[in-house]
């Protein structure tokens, strides 16, 4: 009997609000979006899509209200085709604005408060944000959220147009603390979303560095700091957690198990169907 495959999870924290967009993939043909409220310590499940969402090519608005997501839904019959970018209200996927793409080659789009941003989408939205194409660089979402390339990260080959041929390493200092959270890409798992719980094909490893010591975090598939220095994580067993790191130990402050969730499509509430 085949064992249950744990969900693949990737998160996008808002930059100006204690809100996190949670992307869950699994079963294979399904994607799910949730809203993680860090202030209220609450997880709100949202939309299910029988298709694929590419979270590394998606974004959450700075205020945590709007989602810009890139999706591939082979059964789609609308005018935007099967590969499209859409804007919705987290945690729902009802498109308030959408446009077609060049297929799965697109890099996706992120929110910007700079009206003259490079590679901006020529459209006016009824929100205080515009859209720009996501940079072709590993960990583009993380870089916009305060992560920096580590000094020992291999340099990018100028001939590597898609930044795929290196094991890039990024790091982020704990707010108000002395720990360094590190992540490294371990290579591309291929065209499918979920080999070894890869997200958008990219396999990663996390660890902490403090006082010259390294603590491997092999049980994690995603991690970042919140503004108070707590560690936000998604475990490979499918759980969202908040850790309070104190001294040599850690205290679990929050946990939500997403591993048992089953597809349960439901219509979006009225507030999520309009700007």
C-alpha atoms as a PDB file:
ATOM      1  CA  UNK A   1       0.000   0.000   0.000  1.00  0.00           C
ATOM      2  CA  UNK A   2       1.427   3.365  -0.970  1.00  0.00           C
ATOM      3  CA  UNK A   3       1.947   5.819   1.888  1.00  0.00           C
ATOM      4  CA  UNK A   4       0.269   9.177   1.958  1.00  0.00           C
ATOM      5  CA  UNK A   5       2.250  11.907   0.158  1.00  0.00           C
ATOM      6  CA  UNK A   6       2.593  14.982   2.335  1.00  0.00           C
ATOM      7  CA  UNK A   7       1.592  18.339   0.835  1.00  0.00           C
ATOM      8  CA  UNK A   8       4.095  20.740  -0.667  1.00  0.00           C
ATOM      9  CA  UNK A   9       3.859  24.125   1.028  1.00  0.00           C
ATOM     10  CA  UNK A  10       5.268  27.541   0.233  1.00  0.00           C
ATOM     11  CA  UNK A  11       4.454  30.823   1.963  1.00  0.00           C
ATOM     12  CA  UNK A  12       4.562  34.506   1.049  1.00  0.00           C
ATOM     13  CA  UNK A  13       4.548  36.950   3.997  1.00  0.00           C
ATOM     14  CA  UNK A  14       3.153  40.435   3.478  1.00  0.00           C
ATOM     15  CA  UNK A  15       5.865  43.069   3.884  1.00  0.00           C
ATOM     16  CA  UNK A  16       3.726  45.573   5.822  1.00  0.00           C
ATOM     17  CA  UNK A  17       1.170  43.407   7.659  1.00  0.00           C
ATOM     18  CA  UNK A  18       1.240  40.258   9.852  1.00  0.00           C
ATOM     19  CA  UNK A  19      -0.411  38.181   7.113  1.00  0.00           C
ATOM     20  CA  UNK A  20       1.015  35.228   5.193  1.00  0.00           C
ATOM     21  CA  UNK A  21      -0.329  33.667   1.998  1.00  0.00           C
ATOM     22  CA  UNK A  22      -0.030  29.886   2.196  1.00  0.00           C
ATOM     23  CA  UNK A  23       0.128  27.798  -0.985  1.00  0.00           C
ATOM     24  CA  UNK A  24      -0.501  24.075  -0.622  1.00  0.00           C
ATOM     25  CA  UNK A  25      -0.225  21.470  -3.367  1.00  0.00           C
ATOM     26  CA  UNK A  26      -1.693  18.026  -2.971  1.00  0.00           C
ATOM     27  CA  UNK A  27      -3.285  15.780  -4.032  1.00  0.00           C
ATOM     28  CA  UNK A  28      -1.287  16.064  -7.238  1.00  0.00           C
ATOM     29  CA  UNK A  29      -3.943  17.717  -9.385  1.00  0.00           C
ATOM     30  CA  UNK A  30      -5.073  20.196  -6.714  1.00  0.00           C
ATOM     31  CA  UNK A  31      -3.813  23.486  -5.317  1.00  0.00           C
ATOM     32  CA  UNK A  32      -5.066  25.253  -2.199  1.00  0.00           C
ATOM     33  CA  UNK A  33      -4.614  28.735  -0.784  1.00  0.00           C
ATOM     34  CA  UNK A  34      -4.906  29.829   2.840  1.00  0.00           C
ATOM     35  CA  UNK A  35      -4.513  32.981   4.931  1.00  0.00           C
ATOM     36  CA  UNK A  36      -2.229  32.806   7.980  1.00  0.00           C
ATOM     37  CA  UNK A  37      -2.920  35.633  10.436  1.00  0.00           C
ATOM     38  CA  UNK A  38       0.164  35.947  12.626  1.00  0.00           C
ATOM     39  CA  UNK A  39      -1.349  38.533  14.974  1.00  0.00           C
ATOM     40  CA  UNK A  40      -4.443  36.426  15.680  1.00  0.00           C
ATOM     41  CA  UNK A  41      -2.542  33.123  15.495  1.00  0.00           C
ATOM     42  CA  UNK A  42      -5.142  31.787  13.066  1.00  0.00           C
ATOM     43  CA  UNK A  43      -5.193  29.948   9.755  1.00  0.00           C
ATOM     44  CA  UNK A  44      -8.151  30.482   7.403  1.00  0.00           C
ATOM     45  CA  UNK A  45      -8.526  27.998   4.531  1.00  0.00           C
ATOM     46  CA  UNK A  46      -9.608  29.453   1.209  1.00  0.00           C
ATOM     47  CA  UNK A  47      -9.953  28.350  -2.399  1.00  0.00           C
ATOM     48  CA  UNK A  48      -9.186  25.022  -4.021  1.00  0.00           C
ATOM     49  CA  UNK A  49      -8.147  24.890  -7.677  1.00  0.00           C
ATOM     50  CA  UNK A  50      -8.073  21.760  -9.794  1.00  0.00           C
ATOM     51  CA  UNK A  51      -4.908  22.925 -11.483  1.00  0.00           C
ATOM     52  CA  UNK A  52      -1.475  24.189 -10.616  1.00  0.00           C
ATOM     53  CA  UNK A  53      -0.476  27.432  -8.939  1.00  0.00           C
ATOM     54  CA  UNK A  54       3.172  28.494  -9.147  1.00  0.00           C
ATOM     55  CA  UNK A  55       3.818  30.200  -5.783  1.00  0.00           C
ATOM     56  CA  UNK A  56       7.396  31.270  -6.573  1.00  0.00           C
ATOM     57  CA  UNK A  57       5.908  33.176  -9.494  1.00  0.00           C
ATOM     58  CA  UNK A  58       3.143  34.742  -7.388  1.00  0.00           C
ATOM     59  CA  UNK A  59       2.994  37.547  -4.818  1.00  0.00           C
ATOM     60  CA  UNK A  60       1.057  38.946  -1.866  1.00  0.00           C
ATOM     61  CA  UNK A  61       0.395  42.681  -1.669  1.00  0.00           C
ATOM     62  CA  UNK A  62       2.268  44.589   1.070  1.00  0.00           C
ATOM     63  CA  UNK A  63      -0.938  45.011   3.088  1.00  0.00           C
ATOM     64  CA  UNK A  64      -1.745  41.288   2.860  1.00  0.00           C
ATOM     65  CA  UNK A  65      -5.069  41.813   1.086  1.00  0.00           C
ATOM     66  CA  UNK A  66      -4.462  40.903  -2.542  1.00  0.00           C
ATOM     67  CA  UNK A  67      -2.948  37.907  -4.257  1.00  0.00           C
ATOM     68  CA  UNK A  68      -1.282  37.973  -7.655  1.00  0.00           C
ATOM     69  CA  UNK A  69      -0.977  34.364  -8.758  1.00  0.00           C
ATOM     70  CA  UNK A  70       0.211  32.499 -11.820  1.00  0.00           C
ATOM     71  CA  UNK A  71      -1.858  29.422 -12.597  1.00  0.00           C
ATOM     72  CA  UNK A  72      -2.049  26.637 -15.137  1.00  0.00           C
ATOM     73  CA  UNK A  73      -5.455  25.007 -15.464  1.00  0.00           C
ATOM     74  CA  UNK A  74      -5.660  22.748 -18.540  1.00  0.00           C
ATOM     75  CA  UNK A  75      -9.451  22.580 -18.327  1.00  0.00           C
ATOM     76  CA  UNK A  76      -9.881  26.368 -18.357  1.00  0.00           C
ATOM     77  CA  UNK A  77     -12.314  27.593 -21.007  1.00  0.00           C
ATOM     78  CA  UNK A  78     -12.217  31.358 -20.501  1.00  0.00           C
ATOM     79  CA  UNK A  79     -10.678  33.943 -22.826  1.00  0.00           C
ATOM     80  CA  UNK A  80      -7.376  34.071 -20.914  1.00  0.00           C
ATOM     81  CA  UNK A  81      -6.507  30.482 -21.756  1.00  0.00           C
ATOM     82  CA  UNK A  82      -5.090  27.766 -19.558  1.00  0.00           C
ATOM     83  CA  UNK A  83      -1.959  29.663 -18.368  1.00  0.00           C
ATOM     84  CA  UNK A  84      -2.802  33.005 -16.808  1.00  0.00           C
ATOM     85  CA  UNK A  85      -2.043  35.593 -14.141  1.00  0.00           C
ATOM     86  CA  UNK A  86      -4.913  36.717 -11.916  1.00  0.00           C
ATOM     87  CA  UNK A  87      -5.488  39.078  -9.005  1.00  0.00           C
ATOM     88  CA  UNK A  88      -7.778  38.052  -6.184  1.00  0.00           C
ATOM     89  CA  UNK A  89      -8.452  38.657  -2.506  1.00  0.00           C
ATOM     90  CA  UNK A  90      -6.592  36.322  -0.173  1.00  0.00           C
ATOM     91  CA  UNK A  91      -7.399  33.488   0.487  1.00  0.00           C
ATOM     92  CA  UNK A  92      -9.680  33.217  -2.567  1.00  0.00           C
ATOM     93  CA  UNK A  93      -8.896  32.858  -6.263  1.00  0.00           C
ATOM     94  CA  UNK A  94     -11.876  34.616  -7.849  1.00  0.00           C
ATOM     95  CA  UNK A  95     -10.205  36.754 -10.516  1.00  0.00           C
ATOM     96  CA  UNK A  96     -10.797  40.476 -10.104  1.00  0.00           C
ATOM     97  CA  UNK A  97      -8.332  41.087 -12.935  1.00  0.00           C
ATOM     98  CA  UNK A  98      -6.587  38.582 -15.196  1.00  0.00           C
ATOM     99  CA  UNK A  99      -4.522  38.289 -18.356  1.00  0.00           C
ATOM    100  CA  UNK A 100      -3.015  35.508 -20.436  1.00  0.00           C
ATOM    101  CA  UNK A 101       0.689  34.665 -20.524  1.00  0.00           C
ATOM    102  CA  UNK A 102       3.152  33.062 -22.917  1.00  0.00           C
ATOM    103  CA  UNK A 103       2.561  29.731 -21.190  1.00  0.00           C
ATOM    104  CA  UNK A 104       4.475  28.260 -18.270  1.00  0.00           C
ATOM    105  CA  UNK A 105       7.655  30.058 -19.354  1.00  0.00           C
ATOM    106  CA  UNK A 106       6.423  33.269 -17.750  1.00  0.00           C
ATOM    107  CA  UNK A 107       8.209  34.450 -14.588  1.00  0.00           C
ATOM    108  CA  UNK A 108       5.010  35.745 -12.977  1.00  0.00           C
ATOM    109  CA  UNK A 109       4.382  39.185 -11.482  1.00  0.00           C
ATOM    110  CA  UNK A 110       4.773  40.972  -8.167  1.00  0.00           C
ATOM    111  CA  UNK A 111       3.120  44.011  -6.628  1.00  0.00           C
ATOM    112  CA  UNK A 112       4.925  47.325  -6.737  1.00  0.00           C
ATOM    113  CA  UNK A 113       4.307  50.755  -5.238  1.00  0.00           C
ATOM    114  CA  UNK A 114       6.590  52.307  -7.861  1.00  0.00           C
ATOM    115  CA  UNK A 115       4.462  53.469 -10.786  1.00  0.00           C
ATOM    116  CA  UNK A 116       7.542  53.710 -12.983  1.00  0.00           C
ATOM    117  CA  UNK A 117       8.880  50.270 -12.095  1.00  0.00           C
ATOM    118  CA  UNK A 118      10.868  48.413 -14.711  1.00  0.00           C
ATOM    119  CA  UNK A 119       8.901  45.861 -16.759  1.00  0.00           C
ATOM    120  CA  UNK A 120       5.623  47.119 -15.315  1.00  0.00           C
ATOM    121  CA  UNK A 121       2.269  45.921 -16.629  1.00  0.00           C
ATOM    122  CA  UNK A 122       0.531  48.680 -18.535  1.00  0.00           C
ATOM    123  CA  UNK A 123      -2.777  48.621 -16.675  1.00  0.00           C
ATOM    124  CA  UNK A 124      -4.451  50.694 -13.990  1.00  0.00           C
ATOM    125  CA  UNK A 125      -5.771  48.788 -10.987  1.00  0.00           C
ATOM    126  CA  UNK A 126      -8.245  50.150  -8.391  1.00  0.00           C
ATOM    127  CA  UNK A 127      -5.715  49.419  -5.644  1.00  0.00           C
ATOM    128  CA  UNK A 128      -2.588  51.329  -4.550  1.00  0.00           C
ATOM    129  CA  UNK A 129      -0.274  48.898  -6.352  1.00  0.00           C
ATOM    130  CA  UNK A 130       0.972  48.151  -9.819  1.00  0.00           C
ATOM    131  CA  UNK A 131       2.443  44.946 -11.236  1.00  0.00           C
ATOM    132  CA  UNK A 132       5.991  44.196 -12.387  1.00  0.00           C
ATOM    133  CA  UNK A 133       7.418  41.012 -13.802  1.00  0.00           C
ATOM    134  CA  UNK A 134       9.371  38.931 -11.319  1.00  0.00           C
ATOM    135  CA  UNK A 135      13.142  39.036 -11.781  1.00  0.00           C
ATOM    136  CA  UNK A 136      14.852  36.059 -13.375  1.00  0.00           C
ATOM    137  CA  UNK A 137      16.951  35.124 -10.343  1.00  0.00           C
ATOM    138  CA  UNK A 138      16.773  32.360  -7.781  1.00  0.00           C
ATOM    139  CA  UNK A 139      14.729  33.212  -4.671  1.00  0.00           C
ATOM    140  CA  UNK A 140      13.290  36.382  -6.200  1.00  0.00           C
ATOM    141  CA  UNK A 141      10.423  36.472  -3.682  1.00  0.00           C
ATOM    142  CA  UNK A 142      12.783  36.088  -0.755  1.00  0.00           C
ATOM    143  CA  UNK A 143      15.046  38.875  -1.990  1.00  0.00           C
ATOM    144  CA  UNK A 144      12.114  41.291  -1.992  1.00  0.00           C
ATOM    145  CA  UNK A 145      11.501  40.290   1.632  1.00  0.00           C
ATOM    146  CA  UNK A 146      14.898  41.111   3.067  1.00  0.00           C
ATOM    147  CA  UNK A 147      16.942  38.030   2.218  1.00  0.00           C
ATOM    148  CA  UNK A 148      20.454  38.642   0.913  1.00  0.00           C
ATOM    149  CA  UNK A 149      22.807  36.476  -1.094  1.00  0.00           C
ATOM    150  CA  UNK A 150      25.442  34.963   1.182  1.00  0.00           C
ATOM    151  CA  UNK A 151      29.117  35.778   0.717  1.00  0.00           C
ATOM    152  CA  UNK A 152      29.860  32.123  -0.101  1.00  0.00           C
ATOM    153  CA  UNK A 153      27.039  31.792  -2.633  1.00  0.00           C
ATOM    154  CA  UNK A 154      28.377  30.642  -6.015  1.00  0.00           C
ATOM    155  CA  UNK A 155      28.402  33.472  -8.555  1.00  0.00           C
ATOM    156  CA  UNK A 156      25.900  33.393 -11.364  1.00  0.00           C
ATOM    157  CA  UNK A 157      27.258  32.449 -14.752  1.00  0.00           C
ATOM    158  CA  UNK A 158      26.497  35.364 -17.101  1.00  0.00           C
ATOM    159  CA  UNK A 159      25.519  32.790 -19.726  1.00  0.00           C
ATOM    160  CA  UNK A 160      22.902  31.270 -17.390  1.00  0.00           C
ATOM    161  CA  UNK A 161      19.863  33.198 -18.599  1.00  0.00           C
ATOM    162  CA  UNK A 162      17.445  31.491 -16.192  1.00  0.00           C
ATOM    163  CA  UNK A 163      19.785  31.299 -13.171  1.00  0.00           C
ATOM    164  CA  UNK A 164      19.394  27.516 -12.932  1.00  0.00           C
ATOM    165  CA  UNK A 165      22.965  26.221 -12.907  1.00  0.00           C
ATOM    166  CA  UNK A 166      24.126  27.039  -9.398  1.00  0.00           C
ATOM    167  CA  UNK A 167      23.262  26.275  -5.790  1.00  0.00           C
ATOM    168  CA  UNK A 168      22.478  29.809  -4.667  1.00  0.00           C
ATOM    169  CA  UNK A 169      22.636  30.528  -0.911  1.00  0.00           C
ATOM    170  CA  UNK A 170      20.685  33.284   0.808  1.00  0.00           C
ATOM    171  CA  UNK A 171      20.540  34.431   4.418  1.00  0.00           C
ATOM    172  CA  UNK A 172      18.385  36.626   6.645  1.00  0.00           C
ATOM    173  CA  UNK A 173      19.243  38.017  10.083  1.00  0.00           C
ATOM    174  CA  UNK A 174      16.781  37.417  12.918  1.00  0.00           C
ATOM    175  CA  UNK A 175      15.015  40.701  13.800  1.00  0.00           C
ATOM    176  CA  UNK A 176      16.288  41.760  17.214  1.00  0.00           C
ATOM    177  CA  UNK A 177      18.382  38.599  17.534  1.00  0.00           C
ATOM    178  CA  UNK A 178      21.724  37.038  16.658  1.00  0.00           C
ATOM    179  CA  UNK A 179      20.622  34.078  14.578  1.00  0.00           C
ATOM    180  CA  UNK A 180      21.084  33.807  10.839  1.00  0.00           C
ATOM    181  CA  UNK A 181      18.509  31.859   8.832  1.00  0.00           C
ATOM    182  CA  UNK A 182      20.018  30.355   5.684  1.00  0.00           C
ATOM    183  CA  UNK A 183      18.609  28.632   2.619  1.00  0.00           C
ATOM    184  CA  UNK A 184      20.291  26.911  -0.304  1.00  0.00           C
ATOM    185  CA  UNK A 185      18.894  25.672  -3.587  1.00  0.00           C
ATOM    186  CA  UNK A 186      19.736  22.021  -4.172  1.00  0.00           C
ATOM    187  CA  UNK A 187      18.910  21.858  -7.849  1.00  0.00           C
ATOM    188  CA  UNK A 188      15.905  21.564 -10.085  1.00  0.00           C
ATOM    189  CA  UNK A 189      13.681  18.529  -9.700  1.00  0.00           C
ATOM    190  CA  UNK A 190      12.336  18.642 -13.218  1.00  0.00           C
ATOM    191  CA  UNK A 191       9.161  19.830 -14.843  1.00  0.00           C
ATOM    192  CA  UNK A 192       6.777  18.519 -12.207  1.00  0.00           C
ATOM    193  CA  UNK A 193       5.916  20.455  -9.074  1.00  0.00           C
ATOM    194  CA  UNK A 194       6.631  17.941  -6.372  1.00  0.00           C
ATOM    195  CA  UNK A 195       9.723  15.783  -6.554  1.00  0.00           C
ATOM    196  CA  UNK A 196      11.090  15.647  -2.988  1.00  0.00           C
ATOM    197  CA  UNK A 197       8.534  18.306  -2.004  1.00  0.00           C
ATOM    198  CA  UNK A 198      10.055  20.825  -4.354  1.00  0.00           C
ATOM    199  CA  UNK A 199       8.128  24.020  -5.017  1.00  0.00           C
ATOM    200  CA  UNK A 200       8.064  25.076  -8.680  1.00  0.00           C
ATOM    201  CA  UNK A 201      10.658  22.340  -9.187  1.00  0.00           C
ATOM    202  CA  UNK A 202      13.248  23.904  -6.852  1.00  0.00           C
ATOM    203  CA  UNK A 203      14.546  21.797  -3.944  1.00  0.00           C
ATOM    204  CA  UNK A 204      15.873  23.685  -0.933  1.00  0.00           C
ATOM    205  CA  UNK A 205      17.581  23.167   2.433  1.00  0.00           C
ATOM    206  CA  UNK A 206      17.394  25.432   5.500  1.00  0.00           C
ATOM    207  CA  UNK A 207      19.661  25.860   8.506  1.00  0.00           C
ATOM    208  CA  UNK A 208      20.385  28.279  11.361  1.00  0.00           C
ATOM    209  CA  UNK A 209      23.753  29.769  12.218  1.00  0.00           C
ATOM    210  CA  UNK A 210      24.530  31.254  15.647  1.00  0.00           C
ATOM    211  CA  UNK A 211      27.827  31.727  17.472  1.00  0.00           C
ATOM    212  CA  UNK A 212      29.646  29.780  14.799  1.00  0.00           C
ATOM    213  CA  UNK A 213      27.358  26.759  15.181  1.00  0.00           C
ATOM    214  CA  UNK A 214      25.075  25.333  12.499  1.00  0.00           C
ATOM    215  CA  UNK A 215      21.672  23.797  13.210  1.00  0.00           C
ATOM    216  CA  UNK A 216      20.284  21.888  10.243  1.00  0.00           C
ATOM    217  CA  UNK A 217      16.565  22.267   9.611  1.00  0.00           C
ATOM    218  CA  UNK A 218      16.058  19.304   7.318  1.00  0.00           C
ATOM    219  CA  UNK A 219      12.449  18.919   8.476  1.00  0.00           C
ATOM    220  CA  UNK A 220      11.447  22.224   6.855  1.00  0.00           C
ATOM    221  CA  UNK A 221      10.301  22.987   3.326  1.00  0.00           C
ATOM    222  CA  UNK A 222       9.872  26.734   3.971  1.00  0.00           C
ATOM    223  CA  UNK A 223      10.956  29.218   6.667  1.00  0.00           C
ATOM    224  CA  UNK A 224      11.234  32.938   7.379  1.00  0.00           C
ATOM    225  CA  UNK A 225      11.310  35.340  10.332  1.00  0.00           C
ATOM    226  CA  UNK A 226       8.346  37.381  11.474  1.00  0.00           C
ATOM    227  CA  UNK A 227       8.885  40.993  12.503  1.00  0.00           C
ATOM    228  CA  UNK A 228       9.286  39.960  16.172  1.00  0.00           C
ATOM    229  CA  UNK A 229      12.051  37.458  15.504  1.00  0.00           C
ATOM    230  CA  UNK A 230       9.910  34.311  15.733  1.00  0.00           C
ATOM    231  CA  UNK A 231      10.611  31.604  13.186  1.00  0.00           C
ATOM    232  CA  UNK A 232       7.770  30.831  10.818  1.00  0.00           C
ATOM    233  CA  UNK A 233       8.003  27.386   9.251  1.00  0.00           C
ATOM    234  CA  UNK A 234       6.242  24.849   7.072  1.00  0.00           C
ATOM    235  CA  UNK A 235       7.390  21.335   7.917  1.00  0.00           C
ATOM    236  CA  UNK A 236       7.808  18.508   5.443  1.00  0.00           C
ATOM    237  CA  UNK A 237       5.032  16.694   7.320  1.00  0.00           C
ATOM    238  CA  UNK A 238       2.606  19.440   6.302  1.00  0.00           C
ATOM    239  CA  UNK A 239       2.387  21.650   9.398  1.00  0.00           C
ATOM    240  CA  UNK A 240       2.557  25.417   9.780  1.00  0.00           C
ATOM    241  CA  UNK A 241       4.367  26.400  12.974  1.00  0.00           C
ATOM    242  CA  UNK A 242       5.686  29.427  14.849  1.00  0.00           C
ATOM    243  CA  UNK A 243       8.806  28.867  16.954  1.00  0.00           C
ATOM    244  CA  UNK A 244      10.051  31.107  19.717  1.00  0.00           C
ATOM    245  CA  UNK A 245      13.809  30.587  19.870  1.00  0.00           C
ATOM    246  CA  UNK A 246      15.287  31.250  23.290  1.00  0.00           C
ATOM    247  CA  UNK A 247      18.792  30.204  24.255  1.00  0.00           C
ATOM    248  CA  UNK A 248      19.534  26.725  22.967  1.00  0.00           C
ATOM    249  CA  UNK A 249      15.911  25.631  22.846  1.00  0.00           C
ATOM    250  CA  UNK A 250      12.699  26.470  21.067  1.00  0.00           C
ATOM    251  CA  UNK A 251       9.087  26.868  22.139  1.00  0.00           C
ATOM    252  CA  UNK A 252       6.196  26.025  19.819  1.00  0.00           C
ATOM    253  CA  UNK A 253       3.817  29.007  19.797  1.00  0.00           C
ATOM    254  CA  UNK A 254       1.431  27.910  17.019  1.00  0.00           C
ATOM    255  CA  UNK A 255       0.673  24.861  14.916  1.00  0.00           C
ATOM    256  CA  UNK A 256      -1.783  24.119  12.124  1.00  0.00           C
ATOM    257  CA  UNK A 257      -1.748  20.712  10.453  1.00  0.00           C
ATOM    258  CA  UNK A 258      -2.509  20.979   6.730  1.00  0.00           C
ATOM    259  CA  UNK A 259      -1.594  17.397   5.915  1.00  0.00           C
ATOM    260  CA  UNK A 260      -5.116  16.001   6.314  1.00  0.00           C
ATOM    261  CA  UNK A 261      -6.951  18.629   4.249  1.00  0.00           C
ATOM    262  CA  UNK A 262      -8.859  17.235   1.265  1.00  0.00           C
ATOM    263  CA  UNK A 263     -10.084  19.153  -1.799  1.00  0.00           C
ATOM    264  CA  UNK A 264     -13.280  20.961  -0.879  1.00  0.00           C
ATOM    265  CA  UNK A 265     -14.055  23.581  -3.545  1.00  0.00           C
ATOM    266  CA  UNK A 266     -16.470  26.248  -2.397  1.00  0.00           C
ATOM    267  CA  UNK A 267     -17.645  29.547  -3.889  1.00  0.00           C
ATOM    268  CA  UNK A 268     -15.860  32.659  -2.691  1.00  0.00           C
ATOM    269  CA  UNK A 269     -17.757  34.887  -0.255  1.00  0.00           C
ATOM    270  CA  UNK A 270     -19.295  38.051  -1.664  1.00  0.00           C
ATOM    271  CA  UNK A 271     -16.519  40.318  -0.312  1.00  0.00           C
ATOM    272  CA  UNK A 272     -13.936  38.386  -2.351  1.00  0.00           C
ATOM    273  CA  UNK A 273     -15.791  38.852  -5.659  1.00  0.00           C
ATOM    274  CA  UNK A 274     -15.326  42.630  -5.905  1.00  0.00           C
ATOM    275  CA  UNK A 275     -12.520  45.144  -5.424  1.00  0.00           C
END
